[in-house]
C-alpha atoms as a PDB file:
ATOM      1  CA  MET A   1     -14.933 -17.660  -8.950  1.00  0.00           C
ATOM      2  CA  GLN A   2     -16.294 -14.321  -9.934  1.00  0.00           C
ATOM      3  CA  LEU A   3     -16.028 -11.005  -8.467  1.00  0.00           C
ATOM      4  CA  THR A   4     -19.240  -9.070  -7.819  1.00  0.00           C
ATOM      5  CA  SER A   5     -20.696  -6.289  -9.885  1.00  0.00           C
ATOM      6  CA  SER A   6     -20.491  -4.307  -6.433  1.00  0.00           C
ATOM      7  CA  PHE A   7     -16.855  -4.687  -6.456  1.00  0.00           C
ATOM      8  CA  LYS A   8     -16.478  -3.486 -10.085  1.00  0.00           C
ATOM      9  CA  LEU A   9     -18.718  -0.338  -9.050  1.00  0.00           C
ATOM     10  CA  VAL A  10     -16.594   0.522  -6.109  1.00  0.00           C
ATOM     11  CA  PHE A  11     -13.502   0.059  -8.020  1.00  0.00           C
ATOM     12  CA  LEU A  12     -14.868   2.278 -10.769  1.00  0.00           C
ATOM     13  CA  LYS A  13     -15.770   5.142  -8.581  1.00  0.00           C
ATOM     14  CA  GLN A  14     -12.542   5.020  -6.529  1.00  0.00           C
ATOM     15  CA  MET A  15     -10.703   5.124  -9.925  1.00  0.00           C
ATOM     16  CA  LEU A  16     -12.552   8.069 -11.368  1.00  0.00           C
ATOM     17  CA  ARG A  17     -11.867   9.654  -7.886  1.00  0.00           C
ATOM     18  CA  GLY A  18      -8.417   9.050  -8.330  1.00  0.00           C
ATOM     19  CA  PHE A  19      -8.257  10.570 -11.904  1.00  0.00           C
ATOM     20  CA  LEU A  20      -9.788  13.641 -10.489  1.00  0.00           C
ATOM     21  CA  LEU A  21      -7.481  14.103  -7.464  1.00  0.00           C
ATOM     22  CA  SER A  22      -4.338  13.313  -9.607  1.00  0.00           C
ATOM     23  CA  ASP A  23      -5.450  15.764 -12.445  1.00  0.00           C
ATOM     24  CA  ALA A  24      -4.874  13.125 -14.915  1.00  0.00           C
ATOM     25  CA  SER A  25      -6.724  14.753 -17.575  1.00  0.00           C
ATOM     26  CA  SER A  26      -4.549  17.884 -17.213  1.00  0.00           C
ATOM     27  CA  ASN A  27      -2.892  19.082 -20.555  1.00  0.00           C
ATOM     28  CA  SER A  28       0.147  20.326 -18.697  1.00  0.00           C
ATOM     29  CA  MET A  29       1.328  16.505 -17.715  1.00  0.00           C
ATOM     30  CA  SER A  30       3.618  14.635 -19.923  1.00  0.00           C
ATOM     31  CA  PHE A  31       2.488  11.241 -21.229  1.00  0.00           C
ATOM     32  CA  HIS A  32       4.492   9.407 -18.519  1.00  0.00           C
ATOM     33  CA  GLU A  33       3.246  11.493 -15.900  1.00  0.00           C
ATOM     34  CA  ARG A  34      -0.337  10.653 -16.975  1.00  0.00           C
ATOM     35  CA  LYS A  35       0.363   7.081 -17.333  1.00  0.00           C
ATOM     36  CA  ASN A  36       1.673   6.998 -13.616  1.00  0.00           C
ATOM     37  CA  ALA A  37      -1.274   8.991 -12.335  1.00  0.00           C
ATOM     38  CA  ILE A  38      -3.766   6.478 -14.192  1.00  0.00           C
ATOM     39  CA  LYS A  39      -1.800   3.416 -12.816  1.00  0.00           C
ATOM     40  CA  LEU A  40      -1.770   5.059  -9.172  1.00  0.00           C
ATOM     41  CA  SER A  41      -5.385   5.409  -9.557  1.00  0.00           C
ATOM     42  CA  ALA A  42      -6.375   2.134 -10.878  1.00  0.00           C
ATOM     43  CA  ASP A  43      -4.110   0.371  -8.171  1.00  0.00           C
ATOM     44  CA  ALA A  44      -5.421   2.460  -5.250  1.00  0.00           C
ATOM     45  CA  ALA A  45      -8.860   1.798  -6.466  1.00  0.00           C
ATOM     46  CA  ILE A  46      -8.228  -2.088  -6.699  1.00  0.00           C
ATOM     47  CA  ALA A  47      -6.881  -2.151  -3.329  1.00  0.00           C
ATOM     48  CA  PHE A  48      -9.867  -0.077  -1.779  1.00  0.00           C
ATOM     49  CA  ALA A  49     -12.401  -2.080  -3.500  1.00  0.00           C
ATOM     50  CA  ARG A  50     -11.088  -5.372  -2.498  1.00  0.00           C
ATOM     51  CA  GLY A  51     -10.351  -4.551   1.230  1.00  0.00           C
ATOM     52  CA  ARG A  52      -8.018  -6.002   3.586  1.00  0.00           C
ATOM     53  CA  THR A  53      -6.177  -8.722   1.896  1.00  0.00           C
ATOM     54  CA  ARG A  54      -2.545  -9.269   2.176  1.00  0.00           C
ATOM     55  CA  TRP A  55      -1.870  -8.223  -1.359  1.00  0.00           C
ATOM     56  CA  SER A  56      -4.035  -5.184  -1.303  1.00  0.00           C
ATOM     57  CA  GLN A  57      -1.982  -4.194   1.800  1.00  0.00           C
ATOM     58  CA  GLY A  58       1.121  -4.845   0.192  1.00  0.00           C
ATOM     59  CA  LEU A  59       0.152  -2.885  -2.880  1.00  0.00           C
ATOM     60  CA  ILE A  60      -0.866   0.274  -0.776  1.00  0.00           C
ATOM     61  CA  THR A  61       2.348  -0.142   1.274  1.00  0.00           C
ATOM     62  CA  ASN A  62       4.400  -0.350  -2.077  1.00  0.00           C
ATOM     63  CA  LEU A  63       2.663   2.857  -3.616  1.00  0.00           C
ATOM     64  CA  SER A  64       3.279   4.602  -0.424  1.00  0.00           C
ATOM     65  CA  LYS A  65       7.012   4.573  -0.557  1.00  0.00           C
ATOM     66  CA  ASN A  66       6.866   7.544  -2.939  1.00  0.00           C
ATOM     67  CA  GLU A  67       5.984  10.695  -0.715  1.00  0.00           C
ATOM     68  CA  LYS A  68       4.014  12.110  -3.747  1.00  0.00           C
ATOM     69  CA  ASN A  69       1.880   9.036  -4.175  1.00  0.00           C
ATOM     70  CA  LYS A  70       1.403   8.985  -0.367  1.00  0.00           C
ATOM     71  CA  GLU A  71      -0.471  12.283  -0.319  1.00  0.00           C
ATOM     72  CA  ILE A  72      -2.580  11.154  -3.042  1.00  0.00           C
ATOM     73  CA  LEU A  73      -3.323   7.802  -1.550  1.00  0.00           C
ATOM     74  CA  LYS A  74      -4.371   9.456   1.602  1.00  0.00           C
ATOM     75  CA  SER A  75      -6.676  11.804   0.227  1.00  0.00           C
ATOM     76  CA  LEU A  76      -8.338   9.264  -2.082  1.00  0.00           C
ATOM     77  CA  LEU A  77      -8.613   6.467   0.405  1.00  0.00           C
ATOM     78  CA  GLY A  78      -9.412   8.169   3.490  1.00  0.00           C
ATOM     79  CA  ARG A  79      -9.484   6.381   6.695  1.00  0.00           C
ATOM     80  CA  GLU A  80      -9.186   3.239   4.902  1.00  0.00           C
ATOM     81  CA  TYR A  81      -5.623   4.197   4.024  1.00  0.00           C
ATOM     82  CA  ASP A  82      -4.317   3.502   7.624  1.00  0.00           C
ATOM     83  CA  ASN A  83      -6.619   0.367   7.720  1.00  0.00           C
ATOM     84  CA  LEU A  84      -4.810  -0.977   4.314  1.00  0.00           C
ATOM     85  CA  ARG A  85      -1.397  -0.123   5.845  1.00  0.00           C
ATOM     86  CA  LYS A  86      -2.157  -2.369   8.966  1.00  0.00           C
ATOM     87  CA  PRO A  87      -0.968  -5.954   8.805  1.00  0.00           C
ATOM     88  CA  CYS A  88      -3.460  -8.581   8.036  1.00  0.00           C
ATOM     89  CA  GLY A  89      -3.993 -11.545  10.199  1.00  0.00           C
ATOM     90  CA  ASN A  90      -3.534 -15.209   8.847  1.00  0.00           C
ATOM     91  CA  SER A  91      -5.592 -16.435   6.097  1.00  0.00           C
ATOM     92  CA  LEU A  92      -8.704 -18.436   7.111  1.00  0.00           C
ATOM     93  CA  LYS A  93      -8.232 -21.144   4.504  1.00  0.00           C
ATOM     94  CA  ILE A  94      -4.869 -22.510   6.020  1.00  0.00           C
ATOM     95  CA  PRO A  95      -6.558 -25.368   7.907  1.00  0.00           C
ATOM     96  CA  ARG A  96      -8.121 -26.524   4.616  1.00  0.00           C
ATOM     97  CA  SER A  97      -4.901 -26.210   2.857  1.00  0.00           C
ATOM     98  CA  LYS A  98      -3.114 -28.338   5.483  1.00  0.00           C
ATOM     99  CA  LYS A  99      -5.584 -31.021   5.164  1.00  0.00           C
ATOM    100  CA  ILE A 100      -4.962 -31.048   1.352  1.00  0.00           C
ATOM    101  CA  LEU A 101      -1.111 -31.168   2.164  1.00  0.00           C
ATOM    102  CA  ARG A 102      -1.737 -34.190   4.573  1.00  0.00           C
ATOM    103  CA  ARG A 103      -3.759 -36.006   1.844  1.00  0.00           C
ATOM    104  CA  CYS A 104      -0.981 -35.304  -0.691  1.00  0.00           C
ATOM    105  CA  LEU A 105       1.745 -36.764   2.062  1.00  0.00           C
ATOM    106  CA  ARG A 106      -0.430 -39.775   2.412  1.00  0.00           C
ATOM    107  CA  MET A 107      -0.387 -40.636  -1.154  1.00  0.00           C
ATOM    108  CA  CYS A 108       3.298 -39.990  -1.626  1.00  0.00           C
ATOM    109  CA  SER A 109       3.941 -42.510   1.124  1.00  0.00           C
ATOM    110  CA  ARG A 110       1.937 -45.229  -0.673  1.00  0.00           C
ATOM    111  CA  ARG A 111       3.856 -44.350  -3.810  1.00  0.00           C
ATOM    112  CA  LYS A 112       7.106 -44.709  -1.660  1.00  0.00           C
ATOM    113  CA  LYS A 113       6.376 -48.383  -1.385  1.00  0.00           C
ATOM    114  CA  ALA A 114       5.961 -49.026  -4.922  1.00  0.00           C
ATOM    115  CA  GLY A 115       9.377 -47.409  -6.479  1.00  0.00           C
ATOM    116  CA  ARG A 116      11.384 -45.805  -3.815  1.00  0.00           C
ATOM    117  CA  ALA A 117      14.468 -45.031  -5.881  1.00  0.00           C
ATOM    118  CA  GLN A 118      12.465 -43.563  -8.720  1.00  0.00           C
ATOM    119  CA  HIS A 119       9.887 -41.402  -6.502  1.00  0.00           C
ATOM    120  CA  ILE A 120      12.803 -39.758  -4.650  1.00  0.00           C
ATOM    121  CA  CYS A 121      14.231 -38.413  -7.727  1.00  0.00           C
ATOM    122  CA  LYS A 122      10.806 -37.292  -8.781  1.00  0.00           C
ATOM    123  CA  SER A 123       9.967 -35.923  -5.342  1.00  0.00           C
ATOM    124  CA  ILE A 124      13.233 -33.784  -5.561  1.00  0.00           C
ATOM    125  CA  LEU A 125      12.631 -32.494  -8.758  1.00  0.00           C
ATOM    126  CA  ALA A 126       8.928 -31.611  -7.736  1.00  0.00           C
ATOM    127  CA  LYS A 127      10.267 -30.023  -4.586  1.00  0.00           C
ATOM    128  CA  ALA A 128      12.744 -27.746  -6.395  1.00  0.00           C
ATOM    129  CA  LEU A 129      10.232 -26.631  -9.287  1.00  0.00           C
ATOM    130  CA  ALA A 130       7.571 -25.671  -6.508  1.00  0.00           C
ATOM    131  CA  LYS A 131      10.248 -23.688  -4.595  1.00  0.00           C
ATOM    132  CA  LYS A 132      11.148 -21.960  -7.849  1.00  0.00           C
ATOM    133  CA  ARG A 133       7.478 -21.263  -8.749  1.00  0.00           C
ATOM    134  CA  ILE A 134       6.770 -20.141  -5.299  1.00  0.00           C
ATOM    135  CA  GLN A 135       9.608 -17.510  -5.340  1.00  0.00           C
ATOM    136  CA  VAL A 136       8.177 -16.180  -8.851  1.00  0.00           C
ATOM    137  CA  LEU A 137       4.740 -15.691  -7.148  1.00  0.00           C
ATOM    138  CA  LYS A 138       6.369 -13.849  -4.174  1.00  0.00           C
ATOM    139  CA  LYS A 139       7.616 -11.487  -6.716  1.00  0.00           C
ATOM    140  CA  LEU A 140       4.739 -10.907  -8.521  1.00  0.00           C
ATOM    141  CA  VAL A 141       1.922 -10.551  -5.788  1.00  0.00           C
ATOM    142  CA  PRO A 142       2.220  -7.549  -3.999  1.00  0.00           C
ATOM    143  CA  GLY A 143       3.207  -8.064  -0.363  1.00  0.00           C
ATOM    144  CA  GLY A 144       4.078 -11.681  -1.294  1.00  0.00           C
ATOM    145  CA  GLU A 145       7.643 -11.840   0.150  1.00  0.00           C
ATOM    146  CA  SER A 146       6.070 -12.159   3.728  1.00  0.00           C
ATOM    147  CA  MET A 147       3.616 -14.889   2.902  1.00  0.00           C
ATOM    148  CA  ASP A 148       4.015 -18.617   3.488  1.00  0.00           C
ATOM    149  CA  GLY A 149       3.232 -21.254   0.531  1.00  0.00           C
ATOM    150  CA  PHE A 150      -0.512 -21.627   1.594  1.00  0.00           C
ATOM    151  CA  SER A 151      -1.603 -18.038   1.868  1.00  0.00           C
ATOM    152  CA  LEU A 152       0.437 -17.210  -1.108  1.00  0.00           C
ATOM    153  CA  LEU A 153      -1.544 -19.261  -3.374  1.00  0.00           C
ATOM    154  CA  ASP A 154      -5.023 -18.170  -1.770  1.00  0.00           C
ATOM    155  CA  GLU A 155      -3.941 -14.483  -2.266  1.00  0.00           C
ATOM    156  CA  THR A 156      -2.513 -15.133  -5.636  1.00  0.00           C
ATOM    157  CA  LEU A 157      -5.964 -16.356  -6.937  1.00  0.00           C
ATOM    158  CA  ASP A 158      -7.613 -13.556  -5.167  1.00  0.00           C
ATOM    159  CA  TYR A 159      -5.228 -10.971  -6.784  1.00  0.00           C
ATOM    160  CA  ALA A 160      -5.653 -12.665 -10.085  1.00  0.00           C
ATOM    161  CA  MET A 161      -9.268 -12.310 -10.064  1.00  0.00           C
ATOM    162  CA  SER A 162      -9.162  -8.845  -8.801  1.00  0.00           C
ATOM    163  CA  LEU A 163      -6.881  -8.013 -11.579  1.00  0.00           C
ATOM    164  CA  LYS A 164      -9.389  -9.561 -14.252  1.00  0.00           C
ATOM    165  CA  ALA A 165     -12.339  -7.284 -12.718  1.00  0.00           C
ATOM    166  CA  GLN A 166      -9.931  -4.183 -13.147  1.00  0.00           C
ATOM    167  CA  VAL A 167      -9.239  -4.972 -16.801  1.00  0.00           C
ATOM    168  CA  ASP A 168     -13.098  -5.536 -17.533  1.00  0.00           C
ATOM    169  CA  VAL A 169     -13.983  -2.291 -15.823  1.00  0.00           C
ATOM    170  CA  MET A 170     -11.149  -0.592 -17.735  1.00  0.00           C
ATOM    171  CA  ARG A 171     -12.424  -2.026 -21.302  1.00  0.00           C
ATOM    172  CA  ARG A 172     -15.873  -0.757 -20.353  1.00  0.00           C
ATOM    173  CA  LEU A 173     -14.557   2.489 -19.564  1.00  0.00           C
ATOM    174  CA  LEU A 174     -12.756   2.871 -22.714  1.00  0.00           C
ATOM    175  CA  LYS A 175     -15.692   1.549 -24.949  1.00  0.00           C
ATOM    176  CA  THR A 176     -17.927   4.124 -23.187  1.00  0.00           C
ATOM    177  CA  SER A 177     -15.338   6.922 -23.893  1.00  0.00           C
ATOM    178  CA  LYS A 178     -15.001   5.971 -27.455  1.00  0.00           C
ATOM    179  CA  ALA A 179     -18.673   6.061 -27.870  1.00  0.00           C
ATOM    180  CA  SER A 180     -19.056   9.468 -26.204  1.00  0.00           C
ATOM    181  CA  LEU A 181     -16.522  10.856 -28.644  1.00  0.00           C
ATOM    182  CA  ASN A 182     -18.218   9.357 -31.733  1.00  0.00           C
ATOM    183  CA  ILE A 183     -21.318  11.132 -30.567  1.00  0.00           C
ATOM    184  CA  LYS A 184     -20.059  14.572 -30.447  1.00  0.00           C
END
């Protein structure tokens, strides 16, 4: 699964707009203020470029808790700010996930017949590990606290791919800026 180059282009445009709006290149900013301005621009840009997903809405909601960020986000995202703050409907992939769950349950019931006692111990351990991992994912993915297990996995995959694209664009931007500094 790979995100398109149009996603990366929209992300780059929005991130550069965020740099201009937050005045991230200002010499009067401290290192931490500049870092926060760059992070805000990158986060808002990735949420804007991805559109209405639960993690992007959760990210914008988390960023909007700070009043200073809220004003920058409103000017950066425009009308899309309100759309990204609205709650998103259910994921379209839930029925497919339920099919997978049913298939797994059928396999488990077959295994129960083979070794019931051993299977129960393994099943309890597997459920405990799965619950623990889901709790960790809910903390990592923006807006993950309000998601169920099926949509959480779907949103996590989408979020990870978007972050990968964000890193790729930022690396290219860094290479370009280094090359332009070497030319001068």
